[in-house]
């Protein structure tokens, strides 16, 4: 009996020592990986075409990460299937810090529109930081007899469905901005989808549609040239790149807020020390005076938050857009 007890106790002690050694080895390995990281080029995938806001931000940040990490950070555009193709590459990549994802806010909208996504936006990624926010601006064609948001609401209620609004595709950020506006004001407009922001802006300038929740950088030159009239920005506070325009919320729709963003993610299970380093460097970069000024020229406002704060935003937005899609009757494909 004593021998058995001794053996069992010895085995338990041995197992405990082995487990403790394994745990220590994992911690040491992760710490060592972070100390030497990176030792080869990093790929930053942008699941959209070159030239858009996400691509612009990715290239600004990647270029400066080159300098601080002492390794090339290569931007790799992988558009297709509404950003799903490129995003899925990162979801399935080795979680070692060498494959990153620069993503737009549509990342949180997609789950409400697609039934069988090949990835889970919360489970399969670890947030690094939200890089910038990108408010939209509600602009109307000069033929629309409204100079304020309140004027527009009154016009829409007097003539339900009489005005058309451009959207840069079904389920995009511009579409959800419109649906949220109609829901909160009790108004009705016809969404007219275009293949991107540029065709939508062309249609608005030509009078084929009467409204558009456009990006500030795209709309502002036309507003200044009196080809369009700006009624309000969609962010909770006035935009630093166009502070002369009121928010939609302060102009007659209390509580209205719709802001797009660009953020940086890594595959789930990427070691925390690597995430922490990428977060620190990215936050520092987007908040340097030079980069902040560069971003503002395109209507982008630097953020730079913690991985936990960004994770909370993603989780909350996925739930919000699920609700709005249901209310708006937008069906998942």
C-alpha atoms as a PDB file:
ATOM      1  CA  UNK A   1       0.000   0.000   0.000  1.00  0.00           C
ATOM      2  CA  UNK A   2       2.779   2.352   0.951  1.00  0.00           C
ATOM      3  CA  UNK A   3       4.675   1.495  -2.248  1.00  0.00           C
ATOM      4  CA  UNK A   4       1.603   2.229  -4.344  1.00  0.00           C
ATOM      5  CA  UNK A   5       1.019   5.501  -2.581  1.00  0.00           C
ATOM      6  CA  UNK A   6       4.678   6.407  -3.028  1.00  0.00           C
ATOM      7  CA  UNK A   7       4.591   5.567  -6.734  1.00  0.00           C
ATOM      8  CA  UNK A   8       1.353   7.472  -7.311  1.00  0.00           C
ATOM      9  CA  UNK A   9       2.707  10.455  -5.464  1.00  0.00           C
ATOM     10  CA  UNK A  10       5.955  10.251  -7.404  1.00  0.00           C
ATOM     11  CA  UNK A  11       4.139  10.064 -10.731  1.00  0.00           C
ATOM     12  CA  UNK A  12       1.944  13.049  -9.816  1.00  0.00           C
ATOM     13  CA  UNK A  13       4.965  15.058  -8.784  1.00  0.00           C
ATOM     14  CA  UNK A  14       6.802  14.083 -11.968  1.00  0.00           C
ATOM     15  CA  UNK A  15       3.801  15.038 -14.134  1.00  0.00           C
ATOM     16  CA  UNK A  16       3.488  18.346 -12.330  1.00  0.00           C
ATOM     17  CA  UNK A  17       7.144  19.121 -12.978  1.00  0.00           C
ATOM     18  CA  UNK A  18       6.778  18.201 -16.673  1.00  0.00           C
ATOM     19  CA  UNK A  19       3.679  20.392 -17.098  1.00  0.00           C
ATOM     20  CA  UNK A  20       5.355  23.282 -15.326  1.00  0.00           C
ATOM     21  CA  UNK A  21       8.411  22.904 -17.525  1.00  0.00           C
ATOM     22  CA  UNK A  22       6.247  22.848 -20.663  1.00  0.00           C
ATOM     23  CA  UNK A  23       4.355  25.964 -19.568  1.00  0.00           C
ATOM     24  CA  UNK A  24       7.626  27.744 -18.859  1.00  0.00           C
ATOM     25  CA  UNK A  25       8.974  26.714 -22.254  1.00  0.00           C
ATOM     26  CA  UNK A  26       5.901  28.154 -23.993  1.00  0.00           C
ATOM     27  CA  UNK A  27       6.245  31.473 -22.153  1.00  0.00           C
ATOM     28  CA  UNK A  28       9.984  31.642 -22.849  1.00  0.00           C
ATOM     29  CA  UNK A  29       9.405  30.773 -26.525  1.00  0.00           C
ATOM     30  CA  UNK A  30       6.741  33.496 -26.892  1.00  0.00           C
ATOM     31  CA  UNK A  31       8.921  36.048 -25.144  1.00  0.00           C
ATOM     32  CA  UNK A  32      11.895  35.048 -27.278  1.00  0.00           C
ATOM     33  CA  UNK A  33       9.829  35.300 -30.457  1.00  0.00           C
ATOM     34  CA  UNK A  34       8.757  38.824 -29.520  1.00  0.00           C
ATOM     35  CA  UNK A  35      12.345  39.867 -28.752  1.00  0.00           C
ATOM     36  CA  UNK A  36      13.614  38.719 -32.140  1.00  0.00           C
ATOM     37  CA  UNK A  37      10.461  39.622 -34.117  1.00  0.00           C
ATOM     38  CA  UNK A  38      10.526  40.327 -36.972  1.00  0.00           C
ATOM     39  CA  UNK A  39      13.309  38.423 -38.703  1.00  0.00           C
ATOM     40  CA  UNK A  40      11.764  38.394 -42.189  1.00  0.00           C
ATOM     41  CA  UNK A  41       9.369  40.536 -44.292  1.00  0.00           C
ATOM     42  CA  UNK A  42       5.786  41.061 -43.083  1.00  0.00           C
ATOM     43  CA  UNK A  43       2.816  40.865 -45.434  1.00  0.00           C
ATOM     44  CA  UNK A  44      -0.047  43.297 -44.815  1.00  0.00           C
ATOM     45  CA  UNK A  45      -3.068  42.131 -46.796  1.00  0.00           C
ATOM     46  CA  UNK A  46      -5.619  44.691 -47.972  1.00  0.00           C
ATOM     47  CA  UNK A  47      -8.731  42.797 -49.164  1.00  0.00           C
ATOM     48  CA  UNK A  48      -9.686  45.667 -51.477  1.00  0.00           C
ATOM     49  CA  UNK A  49      -8.341  47.266 -54.632  1.00  0.00           C
ATOM     50  CA  UNK A  50      -5.500  49.772 -54.562  1.00  0.00           C
ATOM     51  CA  UNK A  51      -6.416  53.443 -54.333  1.00  0.00           C
ATOM     52  CA  UNK A  52      -9.173  53.369 -51.706  1.00  0.00           C
ATOM     53  CA  UNK A  53      -9.048  54.654 -48.129  1.00  0.00           C
ATOM     54  CA  UNK A  54      -8.067  51.274 -46.656  1.00  0.00           C
ATOM     55  CA  UNK A  55      -5.207  50.900 -49.120  1.00  0.00           C
ATOM     56  CA  UNK A  56      -4.050  54.484 -48.493  1.00  0.00           C
ATOM     57  CA  UNK A  57      -3.913  54.005 -44.721  1.00  0.00           C
ATOM     58  CA  UNK A  58      -2.231  50.607 -45.027  1.00  0.00           C
ATOM     59  CA  UNK A  59       0.541  52.022 -47.202  1.00  0.00           C
ATOM     60  CA  UNK A  60       1.163  55.005 -44.925  1.00  0.00           C
ATOM     61  CA  UNK A  61       1.479  52.747 -41.876  1.00  0.00           C
ATOM     62  CA  UNK A  62       3.419  49.968 -43.665  1.00  0.00           C
ATOM     63  CA  UNK A  63       6.009  52.397 -44.995  1.00  0.00           C
ATOM     64  CA  UNK A  64       6.754  53.646 -41.480  1.00  0.00           C
ATOM     65  CA  UNK A  65       6.680  50.186 -39.901  1.00  0.00           C
ATOM     66  CA  UNK A  66       9.484  49.338 -42.349  1.00  0.00           C
ATOM     67  CA  UNK A  67      11.706  51.828 -40.577  1.00  0.00           C
ATOM     68  CA  UNK A  68      10.863  50.940 -36.995  1.00  0.00           C
ATOM     69  CA  UNK A  69      10.773  47.130 -37.379  1.00  0.00           C
ATOM     70  CA  UNK A  70      13.830  47.017 -39.643  1.00  0.00           C
ATOM     71  CA  UNK A  71      12.057  44.614 -42.013  1.00  0.00           C
ATOM     72  CA  UNK A  72      10.004  45.245 -45.188  1.00  0.00           C
ATOM     73  CA  UNK A  73       6.241  45.468 -44.622  1.00  0.00           C
ATOM     74  CA  UNK A  74       4.708  44.630 -47.990  1.00  0.00           C
ATOM     75  CA  UNK A  75       1.132  45.686 -48.811  1.00  0.00           C
ATOM     76  CA  UNK A  76      -0.620  42.913 -50.729  1.00  0.00           C
ATOM     77  CA  UNK A  77      -3.968  43.856 -52.330  1.00  0.00           C
ATOM     78  CA  UNK A  78      -6.303  40.851 -52.504  1.00  0.00           C
ATOM     79  CA  UNK A  79      -9.745  42.167 -53.549  1.00  0.00           C
ATOM     80  CA  UNK A  80     -12.735  39.988 -54.325  1.00  0.00           C
ATOM     81  CA  UNK A  81     -16.073  38.793 -52.962  1.00  0.00           C
ATOM     82  CA  UNK A  82     -16.657  41.964 -50.977  1.00  0.00           C
ATOM     83  CA  UNK A  83     -13.316  41.707 -49.100  1.00  0.00           C
ATOM     84  CA  UNK A  84     -13.981  38.088 -48.106  1.00  0.00           C
ATOM     85  CA  UNK A  85     -11.174  36.531 -50.184  1.00  0.00           C
ATOM     86  CA  UNK A  86      -8.321  38.540 -48.724  1.00  0.00           C
ATOM     87  CA  UNK A  87      -9.740  38.410 -45.220  1.00  0.00           C
ATOM     88  CA  UNK A  88      -9.975  34.627 -45.357  1.00  0.00           C
ATOM     89  CA  UNK A  89      -6.282  34.384 -46.285  1.00  0.00           C
ATOM     90  CA  UNK A  90      -5.356  36.082 -43.020  1.00  0.00           C
ATOM     91  CA  UNK A  91      -7.868  34.062 -40.983  1.00  0.00           C
ATOM     92  CA  UNK A  92      -6.120  30.869 -42.102  1.00  0.00           C
ATOM     93  CA  UNK A  93      -2.550  32.189 -41.943  1.00  0.00           C
ATOM     94  CA  UNK A  94       0.030  31.013 -39.420  1.00  0.00           C
ATOM     95  CA  UNK A  95      -0.386  33.176 -36.274  1.00  0.00           C
ATOM     96  CA  UNK A  96       3.222  34.353 -36.089  1.00  0.00           C
ATOM     97  CA  UNK A  97       2.931  38.082 -36.814  1.00  0.00           C
ATOM     98  CA  UNK A  98       4.074  37.832 -40.427  1.00  0.00           C
ATOM     99  CA  UNK A  99       0.601  38.071 -42.006  1.00  0.00           C
ATOM    100  CA  UNK A 100      -1.555  41.051 -41.017  1.00  0.00           C
ATOM    101  CA  UNK A 101      -4.901  42.396 -42.211  1.00  0.00           C
ATOM    102  CA  UNK A 102      -5.737  46.047 -42.910  1.00  0.00           C
ATOM    103  CA  UNK A 103      -9.525  46.105 -42.915  1.00  0.00           C
ATOM    104  CA  UNK A 104     -12.395  48.575 -43.263  1.00  0.00           C
ATOM    105  CA  UNK A 105     -15.551  48.810 -41.162  1.00  0.00           C
ATOM    106  CA  UNK A 106     -17.397  46.672 -43.718  1.00  0.00           C
ATOM    107  CA  UNK A 107     -15.665  43.792 -41.893  1.00  0.00           C
ATOM    108  CA  UNK A 108     -18.356  44.105 -39.192  1.00  0.00           C
ATOM    109  CA  UNK A 109     -21.205  44.515 -41.700  1.00  0.00           C
ATOM    110  CA  UNK A 110     -20.462  41.421 -43.795  1.00  0.00           C
ATOM    111  CA  UNK A 111     -21.701  38.872 -41.192  1.00  0.00           C
ATOM    112  CA  UNK A 112     -25.196  40.375 -41.412  1.00  0.00           C
ATOM    113  CA  UNK A 113     -25.206  39.945 -45.199  1.00  0.00           C
ATOM    114  CA  UNK A 114     -23.516  36.582 -45.743  1.00  0.00           C
ATOM    115  CA  UNK A 115     -24.837  33.345 -44.236  1.00  0.00           C
ATOM    116  CA  UNK A 116     -21.808  31.114 -44.714  1.00  0.00           C
ATOM    117  CA  UNK A 117     -18.675  33.157 -44.166  1.00  0.00           C
ATOM    118  CA  UNK A 118     -15.470  31.074 -44.199  1.00  0.00           C
ATOM    119  CA  UNK A 119     -14.308  32.890 -41.061  1.00  0.00           C
ATOM    120  CA  UNK A 120     -15.702  34.417 -37.868  1.00  0.00           C
ATOM    121  CA  UNK A 121     -14.811  38.125 -37.490  1.00  0.00           C
ATOM    122  CA  UNK A 122     -14.542  37.828 -33.697  1.00  0.00           C
ATOM    123  CA  UNK A 123     -13.201  34.307 -33.146  1.00  0.00           C
ATOM    124  CA  UNK A 124     -10.646  34.069 -35.987  1.00  0.00           C
ATOM    125  CA  UNK A 125      -8.791  37.360 -35.513  1.00  0.00           C
ATOM    126  CA  UNK A 126      -7.030  39.309 -32.798  1.00  0.00           C
ATOM    127  CA  UNK A 127      -7.295  43.108 -33.091  1.00  0.00           C
ATOM    128  CA  UNK A 128      -4.115  45.185 -33.035  1.00  0.00           C
ATOM    129  CA  UNK A 129      -5.526  48.717 -33.216  1.00  0.00           C
ATOM    130  CA  UNK A 130      -8.051  50.927 -34.944  1.00  0.00           C
ATOM    131  CA  UNK A 131      -5.874  53.156 -37.103  1.00  0.00           C
ATOM    132  CA  UNK A 132      -8.275  55.875 -38.297  1.00  0.00           C
ATOM    133  CA  UNK A 133     -11.936  56.785 -38.381  1.00  0.00           C
ATOM    134  CA  UNK A 134     -13.660  57.921 -41.541  1.00  0.00           C
ATOM    135  CA  UNK A 135     -16.920  59.864 -41.177  1.00  0.00           C
ATOM    136  CA  UNK A 136     -19.212  60.345 -44.138  1.00  0.00           C
ATOM    137  CA  UNK A 137     -20.898  63.564 -45.152  1.00  0.00           C
ATOM    138  CA  UNK A 138     -24.505  63.847 -46.315  1.00  0.00           C
ATOM    139  CA  UNK A 139     -24.510  65.804 -49.585  1.00  0.00           C
ATOM    140  CA  UNK A 140     -27.372  66.680 -51.900  1.00  0.00           C
ATOM    141  CA  UNK A 141     -27.646  67.839 -55.493  1.00  0.00           C
ATOM    142  CA  UNK A 142     -28.274  71.635 -55.770  1.00  0.00           C
ATOM    143  CA  UNK A 143     -31.725  70.913 -57.227  1.00  0.00           C
ATOM    144  CA  UNK A 144     -32.884  69.555 -53.837  1.00  0.00           C
ATOM    145  CA  UNK A 145     -34.728  72.351 -51.976  1.00  0.00           C
ATOM    146  CA  UNK A 146     -33.078  71.669 -48.612  1.00  0.00           C
ATOM    147  CA  UNK A 147     -30.250  73.556 -46.924  1.00  0.00           C
ATOM    148  CA  UNK A 148     -30.355  71.712 -43.590  1.00  0.00           C
ATOM    149  CA  UNK A 149     -31.021  68.192 -42.338  1.00  0.00           C
ATOM    150  CA  UNK A 150     -34.321  69.401 -40.863  1.00  0.00           C
ATOM    151  CA  UNK A 151     -35.334  70.776 -44.279  1.00  0.00           C
ATOM    152  CA  UNK A 152     -34.505  67.426 -45.853  1.00  0.00           C
ATOM    153  CA  UNK A 153     -36.534  65.463 -43.298  1.00  0.00           C
ATOM    154  CA  UNK A 154     -39.547  67.740 -43.851  1.00  0.00           C
ATOM    155  CA  UNK A 155     -39.213  67.293 -47.621  1.00  0.00           C
ATOM    156  CA  UNK A 156     -38.953  63.504 -47.325  1.00  0.00           C
ATOM    157  CA  UNK A 157     -42.026  63.319 -45.095  1.00  0.00           C
ATOM    158  CA  UNK A 158     -44.017  65.505 -47.468  1.00  0.00           C
ATOM    159  CA  UNK A 159     -42.964  63.397 -50.479  1.00  0.00           C
ATOM    160  CA  UNK A 160     -42.128  59.852 -49.309  1.00  0.00           C
ATOM    161  CA  UNK A 161     -39.911  57.968 -51.753  1.00  0.00           C
ATOM    162  CA  UNK A 162     -39.534  60.956 -54.068  1.00  0.00           C
ATOM    163  CA  UNK A 163     -35.748  61.180 -53.682  1.00  0.00           C
ATOM    164  CA  UNK A 164     -33.110  58.637 -54.643  1.00  0.00           C
ATOM    165  CA  UNK A 165     -29.871  58.088 -52.723  1.00  0.00           C
ATOM    166  CA  UNK A 166     -26.677  56.637 -54.198  1.00  0.00           C
ATOM    167  CA  UNK A 167     -24.975  53.796 -52.323  1.00  0.00           C
ATOM    168  CA  UNK A 168     -21.646  52.179 -53.186  1.00  0.00           C
ATOM    169  CA  UNK A 169     -23.153  48.693 -53.224  1.00  0.00           C
ATOM    170  CA  UNK A 170     -25.765  46.801 -51.208  1.00  0.00           C
ATOM    171  CA  UNK A 171     -24.668  46.292 -47.613  1.00  0.00           C
ATOM    172  CA  UNK A 172     -21.788  48.759 -47.788  1.00  0.00           C
ATOM    173  CA  UNK A 173     -21.116  51.428 -45.193  1.00  0.00           C
ATOM    174  CA  UNK A 174     -22.886  54.044 -47.351  1.00  0.00           C
ATOM    175  CA  UNK A 175     -25.952  51.798 -47.585  1.00  0.00           C
ATOM    176  CA  UNK A 176     -26.122  51.242 -43.830  1.00  0.00           C
ATOM    177  CA  UNK A 177     -25.648  54.982 -43.204  1.00  0.00           C
ATOM    178  CA  UNK A 178     -28.741  55.602 -45.344  1.00  0.00           C
ATOM    179  CA  UNK A 179     -30.793  52.831 -43.721  1.00  0.00           C
ATOM    180  CA  UNK A 180     -29.910  54.092 -40.254  1.00  0.00           C
ATOM    181  CA  UNK A 181     -30.925  57.651 -41.259  1.00  0.00           C
ATOM    182  CA  UNK A 182     -34.285  56.506 -42.645  1.00  0.00           C
ATOM    183  CA  UNK A 183     -34.963  54.337 -39.583  1.00  0.00           C
ATOM    184  CA  UNK A 184     -34.213  57.145 -37.111  1.00  0.00           C
ATOM    185  CA  UNK A 185     -36.160  59.811 -39.019  1.00  0.00           C
ATOM    186  CA  UNK A 186     -39.121  57.752 -40.184  1.00  0.00           C
ATOM    187  CA  UNK A 187     -38.460  58.691 -43.794  1.00  0.00           C
ATOM    188  CA  UNK A 188     -38.178  56.714 -47.015  1.00  0.00           C
ATOM    189  CA  UNK A 189     -35.794  56.978 -49.985  1.00  0.00           C
ATOM    190  CA  UNK A 190     -34.810  54.624 -52.764  1.00  0.00           C
ATOM    191  CA  UNK A 191     -31.240  53.267 -52.461  1.00  0.00           C
ATOM    192  CA  UNK A 192     -29.559  53.120 -55.873  1.00  0.00           C
ATOM    193  CA  UNK A 193     -26.476  50.839 -55.817  1.00  0.00           C
ATOM    194  CA  UNK A 194     -23.321  51.640 -57.804  1.00  0.00           C
ATOM    195  CA  UNK A 195     -20.067  49.733 -58.164  1.00  0.00           C
ATOM    196  CA  UNK A 196     -18.072  51.882 -55.781  1.00  0.00           C
ATOM    197  CA  UNK A 197     -17.930  55.430 -54.486  1.00  0.00           C
ATOM    198  CA  UNK A 198     -16.711  57.123 -57.675  1.00  0.00           C
ATOM    199  CA  UNK A 199     -19.652  56.012 -59.882  1.00  0.00           C
ATOM    200  CA  UNK A 200     -22.067  57.040 -57.118  1.00  0.00           C
ATOM    201  CA  UNK A 201     -20.519  60.506 -56.950  1.00  0.00           C
ATOM    202  CA  UNK A 202     -20.696  60.834 -60.740  1.00  0.00           C
ATOM    203  CA  UNK A 203     -24.401  59.963 -60.649  1.00  0.00           C
ATOM    204  CA  UNK A 204     -25.047  62.542 -57.935  1.00  0.00           C
ATOM    205  CA  UNK A 205     -23.206  65.287 -59.816  1.00  0.00           C
ATOM    206  CA  UNK A 206     -25.182  64.402 -62.938  1.00  0.00           C
ATOM    207  CA  UNK A 207     -28.502  64.554 -61.092  1.00  0.00           C
ATOM    208  CA  UNK A 208     -29.382  60.880 -61.609  1.00  0.00           C
ATOM    209  CA  UNK A 209     -29.684  60.627 -57.809  1.00  0.00           C
ATOM    210  CA  UNK A 210     -30.312  63.396 -55.309  1.00  0.00           C
ATOM    211  CA  UNK A 211     -28.379  62.385 -52.165  1.00  0.00           C
ATOM    212  CA  UNK A 212     -25.267  60.521 -51.110  1.00  0.00           C
ATOM    213  CA  UNK A 213     -23.522  59.694 -47.829  1.00  0.00           C
ATOM    214  CA  UNK A 214     -20.096  60.273 -49.365  1.00  0.00           C
ATOM    215  CA  UNK A 215     -16.588  60.255 -47.966  1.00  0.00           C
ATOM    216  CA  UNK A 216     -15.475  63.740 -46.964  1.00  0.00           C
ATOM    217  CA  UNK A 217     -12.365  63.715 -49.167  1.00  0.00           C
ATOM    218  CA  UNK A 218     -14.474  62.803 -52.222  1.00  0.00           C
ATOM    219  CA  UNK A 219     -17.295  65.278 -51.607  1.00  0.00           C
ATOM    220  CA  UNK A 220     -15.487  68.349 -50.269  1.00  0.00           C
ATOM    221  CA  UNK A 221     -14.024  69.631 -53.569  1.00  0.00           C
ATOM    222  CA  UNK A 222     -17.497  69.527 -55.145  1.00  0.00           C
ATOM    223  CA  UNK A 223     -19.056  71.257 -52.135  1.00  0.00           C
ATOM    224  CA  UNK A 224     -16.472  74.057 -52.288  1.00  0.00           C
ATOM    225  CA  UNK A 225     -17.152  74.444 -56.025  1.00  0.00           C
ATOM    226  CA  UNK A 226     -20.918  74.707 -55.308  1.00  0.00           C
ATOM    227  CA  UNK A 227     -21.649  71.603 -57.343  1.00  0.00           C
ATOM    228  CA  UNK A 228     -23.052  69.903 -54.220  1.00  0.00           C
ATOM    229  CA  UNK A 229     -24.555  71.069 -50.926  1.00  0.00           C
ATOM    230  CA  UNK A 230     -23.357  69.554 -47.647  1.00  0.00           C
ATOM    231  CA  UNK A 231     -25.954  69.094 -44.887  1.00  0.00           C
ATOM    232  CA  UNK A 232     -24.031  67.307 -42.153  1.00  0.00           C
ATOM    233  CA  UNK A 233     -21.314  64.826 -41.202  1.00  0.00           C
ATOM    234  CA  UNK A 234     -22.228  61.425 -39.823  1.00  0.00           C
ATOM    235  CA  UNK A 235     -19.773  61.255 -36.899  1.00  0.00           C
ATOM    236  CA  UNK A 236     -20.736  61.958 -33.287  1.00  0.00           C
ATOM    237  CA  UNK A 237     -18.652  65.137 -33.288  1.00  0.00           C
ATOM    238  CA  UNK A 238     -17.650  67.511 -36.053  1.00  0.00           C
ATOM    239  CA  UNK A 239     -14.918  66.307 -38.367  1.00  0.00           C
ATOM    240  CA  UNK A 240     -11.468  67.809 -37.871  1.00  0.00           C
ATOM    241  CA  UNK A 241     -11.039  67.850 -41.656  1.00  0.00           C
ATOM    242  CA  UNK A 242     -14.295  69.796 -42.224  1.00  0.00           C
ATOM    243  CA  UNK A 243     -15.237  71.465 -38.898  1.00  0.00           C
ATOM    244  CA  UNK A 244     -17.456  74.033 -40.603  1.00  0.00           C
ATOM    245  CA  UNK A 245     -20.170  71.430 -41.177  1.00  0.00           C
ATOM    246  CA  UNK A 246     -22.499  70.346 -38.339  1.00  0.00           C
ATOM    247  CA  UNK A 247     -23.156  66.735 -37.468  1.00  0.00           C
ATOM    248  CA  UNK A 248     -26.368  65.053 -38.551  1.00  0.00           C
ATOM    249  CA  UNK A 249     -27.081  64.491 -34.848  1.00  0.00           C
ATOM    250  CA  UNK A 250     -26.930  68.193 -33.967  1.00  0.00           C
ATOM    251  CA  UNK A 251     -28.894  69.088 -37.100  1.00  0.00           C
ATOM    252  CA  UNK A 252     -32.110  67.278 -36.274  1.00  0.00           C
ATOM    253  CA  UNK A 253     -31.417  63.575 -35.681  1.00  0.00           C
ATOM    254  CA  UNK A 254     -30.249  63.224 -32.045  1.00  0.00           C
ATOM    255  CA  UNK A 255     -28.179  60.100 -31.475  1.00  0.00           C
ATOM    256  CA  UNK A 256     -27.367  59.528 -35.130  1.00  0.00           C
ATOM    257  CA  UNK A 257     -23.807  58.337 -35.628  1.00  0.00           C
ATOM    258  CA  UNK A 258     -22.238  56.415 -38.473  1.00  0.00           C
ATOM    259  CA  UNK A 259     -18.474  56.306 -38.803  1.00  0.00           C
ATOM    260  CA  UNK A 260     -16.379  54.017 -40.933  1.00  0.00           C
ATOM    261  CA  UNK A 261     -12.819  53.103 -39.955  1.00  0.00           C
ATOM    262  CA  UNK A 262      -9.656  51.289 -40.957  1.00  0.00           C
ATOM    263  CA  UNK A 263      -7.995  48.898 -38.518  1.00  0.00           C
ATOM    264  CA  UNK A 264      -5.216  46.363 -38.214  1.00  0.00           C
ATOM    265  CA  UNK A 265      -5.790  42.701 -37.284  1.00  0.00           C
ATOM    266  CA  UNK A 266      -3.757  39.502 -36.982  1.00  0.00           C
ATOM    267  CA  UNK A 267      -4.782  35.837 -37.029  1.00  0.00           C
ATOM    268  CA  UNK A 268      -6.156  34.522 -33.733  1.00  0.00           C
ATOM    269  CA  UNK A 269      -3.534  33.004 -31.388  1.00  0.00           C
ATOM    270  CA  UNK A 270      -0.793  35.378 -32.531  1.00  0.00           C
ATOM    271  CA  UNK A 271       1.491  35.695 -29.444  1.00  0.00           C
ATOM    272  CA  UNK A 272       0.506  38.571 -27.191  1.00  0.00           C
ATOM    273  CA  UNK A 273       4.026  40.078 -27.062  1.00  0.00           C
ATOM    274  CA  UNK A 274       3.972  40.438 -30.862  1.00  0.00           C
ATOM    275  CA  UNK A 275       0.502  42.017 -30.780  1.00  0.00           C
ATOM    276  CA  UNK A 276       1.688  44.429 -28.087  1.00  0.00           C
ATOM    277  CA  UNK A 277       4.682  45.514 -30.141  1.00  0.00           C
ATOM    278  CA  UNK A 278       2.661  45.991 -33.322  1.00  0.00           C
ATOM    279  CA  UNK A 279       0.084  47.956 -31.336  1.00  0.00           C
ATOM    280  CA  UNK A 280       2.694  50.263 -29.778  1.00  0.00           C
ATOM    281  CA  UNK A 281       4.400  50.983 -33.093  1.00  0.00           C
ATOM    282  CA  UNK A 282       1.151  51.476 -35.047  1.00  0.00           C
ATOM    283  CA  UNK A 283      -0.359  53.787 -32.418  1.00  0.00           C
ATOM    284  CA  UNK A 284       2.814  55.862 -32.370  1.00  0.00           C
ATOM    285  CA  UNK A 285       2.868  56.107 -36.168  1.00  0.00           C
ATOM    286  CA  UNK A 286      -0.737  57.268 -36.695  1.00  0.00           C
ATOM    287  CA  UNK A 287      -0.383  59.881 -33.956  1.00  0.00           C
ATOM    288  CA  UNK A 288       2.772  61.554 -35.219  1.00  0.00           C
ATOM    289  CA  UNK A 289       2.015  65.143 -36.378  1.00  0.00           C
ATOM    290  CA  UNK A 290       3.142  64.363 -39.933  1.00  0.00           C
ATOM    291  CA  UNK A 291       0.870  61.338 -40.321  1.00  0.00           C
ATOM    292  CA  UNK A 292      -2.111  63.033 -38.633  1.00  0.00           C
ATOM    293  CA  UNK A 293      -1.829  65.923 -41.097  1.00  0.00           C
ATOM    294  CA  UNK A 294      -1.470  63.492 -44.009  1.00  0.00           C
ATOM    295  CA  UNK A 295      -4.587  61.598 -42.935  1.00  0.00           C
ATOM    296  CA  UNK A 296      -6.688  64.732 -42.452  1.00  0.00           C
ATOM    297  CA  UNK A 297      -6.116  65.740 -46.059  1.00  0.00           C
ATOM    298  CA  UNK A 298      -8.214  62.715 -47.005  1.00  0.00           C
ATOM    299  CA  UNK A 299     -10.843  63.149 -44.298  1.00  0.00           C
ATOM    300  CA  UNK A 300      -9.246  60.511 -42.052  1.00  0.00           C
ATOM    301  CA  UNK A 301      -8.827  61.028 -38.321  1.00  0.00           C
ATOM    302  CA  UNK A 302      -6.068  59.165 -36.475  1.00  0.00           C
ATOM    303  CA  UNK A 303      -7.107  56.956 -33.549  1.00  0.00           C
ATOM    304  CA  UNK A 304      -4.683  54.351 -32.202  1.00  0.00           C
ATOM    305  CA  UNK A 305      -6.421  52.420 -29.388  1.00  0.00           C
ATOM    306  CA  UNK A 306      -5.627  49.252 -27.431  1.00  0.00           C
ATOM    307  CA  UNK A 307      -6.352  45.747 -28.754  1.00  0.00           C
ATOM    308  CA  UNK A 308      -9.047  45.378 -26.079  1.00  0.00           C
ATOM    309  CA  UNK A 309     -10.765  48.640 -27.039  1.00  0.00           C
ATOM    310  CA  UNK A 310     -10.719  47.729 -30.726  1.00  0.00           C
ATOM    311  CA  UNK A 311     -12.041  44.227 -29.968  1.00  0.00           C
ATOM    312  CA  UNK A 312     -14.978  45.767 -28.078  1.00  0.00           C
ATOM    313  CA  UNK A 313     -15.770  48.029 -31.049  1.00  0.00           C
ATOM    314  CA  UNK A 314     -15.758  45.108 -33.494  1.00  0.00           C
ATOM    315  CA  UNK A 315     -17.985  42.977 -31.284  1.00  0.00           C
ATOM    316  CA  UNK A 316     -20.462  45.822 -30.711  1.00  0.00           C
ATOM    317  CA  UNK A 317     -20.617  46.747 -34.410  1.00  0.00           C
ATOM    318  CA  UNK A 318     -21.214  43.174 -35.557  1.00  0.00           C
ATOM    319  CA  UNK A 319     -24.236  43.056 -33.213  1.00  0.00           C
ATOM    320  CA  UNK A 320     -25.425  46.532 -34.275  1.00  0.00           C
ATOM    321  CA  UNK A 321     -25.356  45.796 -38.004  1.00  0.00           C
ATOM    322  CA  UNK A 322     -27.107  42.464 -37.478  1.00  0.00           C
ATOM    323  CA  UNK A 323     -29.933  44.427 -35.866  1.00  0.00           C
ATOM    324  CA  UNK A 324     -30.029  47.159 -38.518  1.00  0.00           C
ATOM    325  CA  UNK A 325     -29.972  44.662 -41.393  1.00  0.00           C
ATOM    326  CA  UNK A 326     -32.924  42.856 -39.844  1.00  0.00           C
ATOM    327  CA  UNK A 327     -34.901  46.077 -39.338  1.00  0.00           C
ATOM    328  CA  UNK A 328     -34.095  47.277 -42.867  1.00  0.00           C
ATOM    329  CA  UNK A 329     -35.073  43.918 -44.340  1.00  0.00           C
ATOM    330  CA  UNK A 330     -31.646  43.364 -45.926  1.00  0.00           C
ATOM    331  CA  UNK A 331     -31.396  39.622 -46.517  1.00  0.00           C
ATOM    332  CA  UNK A 332     -28.213  37.609 -46.103  1.00  0.00           C
ATOM    333  CA  UNK A 333     -27.009  35.987 -49.324  1.00  0.00           C
END
